[in-house]
Protein backbone atom coordinates (compact mmCIF):
# COMPACT_ATOMS: atom_id res chain seq x y z
CA MET A 1 -49.75 39.76 61.13
CA GLU A 2 -51.46 38.62 57.93
CA GLU A 3 -49.10 40.68 55.79
CA PHE A 4 -46.08 39.07 57.44
CA PHE A 5 -47.57 35.62 56.86
CA ASP A 6 -48.23 36.43 53.20
CA GLU A 7 -44.63 37.53 52.78
CA ASP A 8 -43.42 34.25 54.24
CA MET A 9 -45.65 32.26 51.90
CA THR A 10 -44.42 34.29 48.94
CA GLU A 11 -40.82 33.52 49.88
CA ILE A 12 -41.62 29.82 50.26
CA GLU A 13 -43.33 29.78 46.85
CA SER A 14 -40.31 31.55 45.35
CA MET A 15 -37.98 28.93 46.79
CA ARG A 16 -40.21 26.16 45.41
CA GLU A 17 -39.87 27.73 41.96
CA GLU A 18 -36.10 27.94 42.38
CA ARG A 19 -35.98 24.27 43.38
CA LYS A 20 -37.73 23.32 40.15
CA LYS A 21 -35.00 25.12 38.19
CA MET A 22 -32.09 23.55 40.06
CA ARG A 23 -30.62 20.12 40.40
CA GLU A 24 -31.15 18.55 43.82
CA LYS A 25 -27.48 19.01 44.69
CA ASP A 26 -27.67 22.76 44.09
CA PHE A 27 -30.90 23.01 46.08
CA ALA A 28 -29.26 21.24 49.02
CA LYS A 29 -26.58 23.94 49.01
CA LEU A 30 -29.29 26.61 49.06
CA ILE A 31 -30.93 24.99 52.09
CA ASN A 32 -27.58 24.86 53.89
CA LYS A 33 -27.23 28.62 53.41
CA LYS A 34 -30.66 29.34 54.86
CA ASP A 35 -31.66 29.22 58.51
CA LEU A 36 -35.00 27.51 57.97
CA SER A 37 -37.34 26.33 60.66
CA GLU A 38 -38.68 22.77 60.54
CA PHE A 39 -42.03 24.16 59.41
CA GLU A 40 -40.42 25.91 56.44
CA LEU A 41 -38.51 22.77 55.49
CA ASP A 42 -41.76 20.81 55.63
CA GLU A 43 -43.38 23.38 53.34
CA LEU A 44 -40.50 23.20 50.86
CA PHE A 45 -40.76 19.45 50.45
CA MET A 46 -44.54 19.08 50.36
């Protein structure tokens, strides 16, 4: 279970890094392509 959680956190961190490289408009498109839970969205925008 811990390994799965770590993988999720790594993916979230990766998306945070991608957001820093993109304009907000492009990041919004990325979110629309992903099926993110509310928790993941909260993590992205913290």
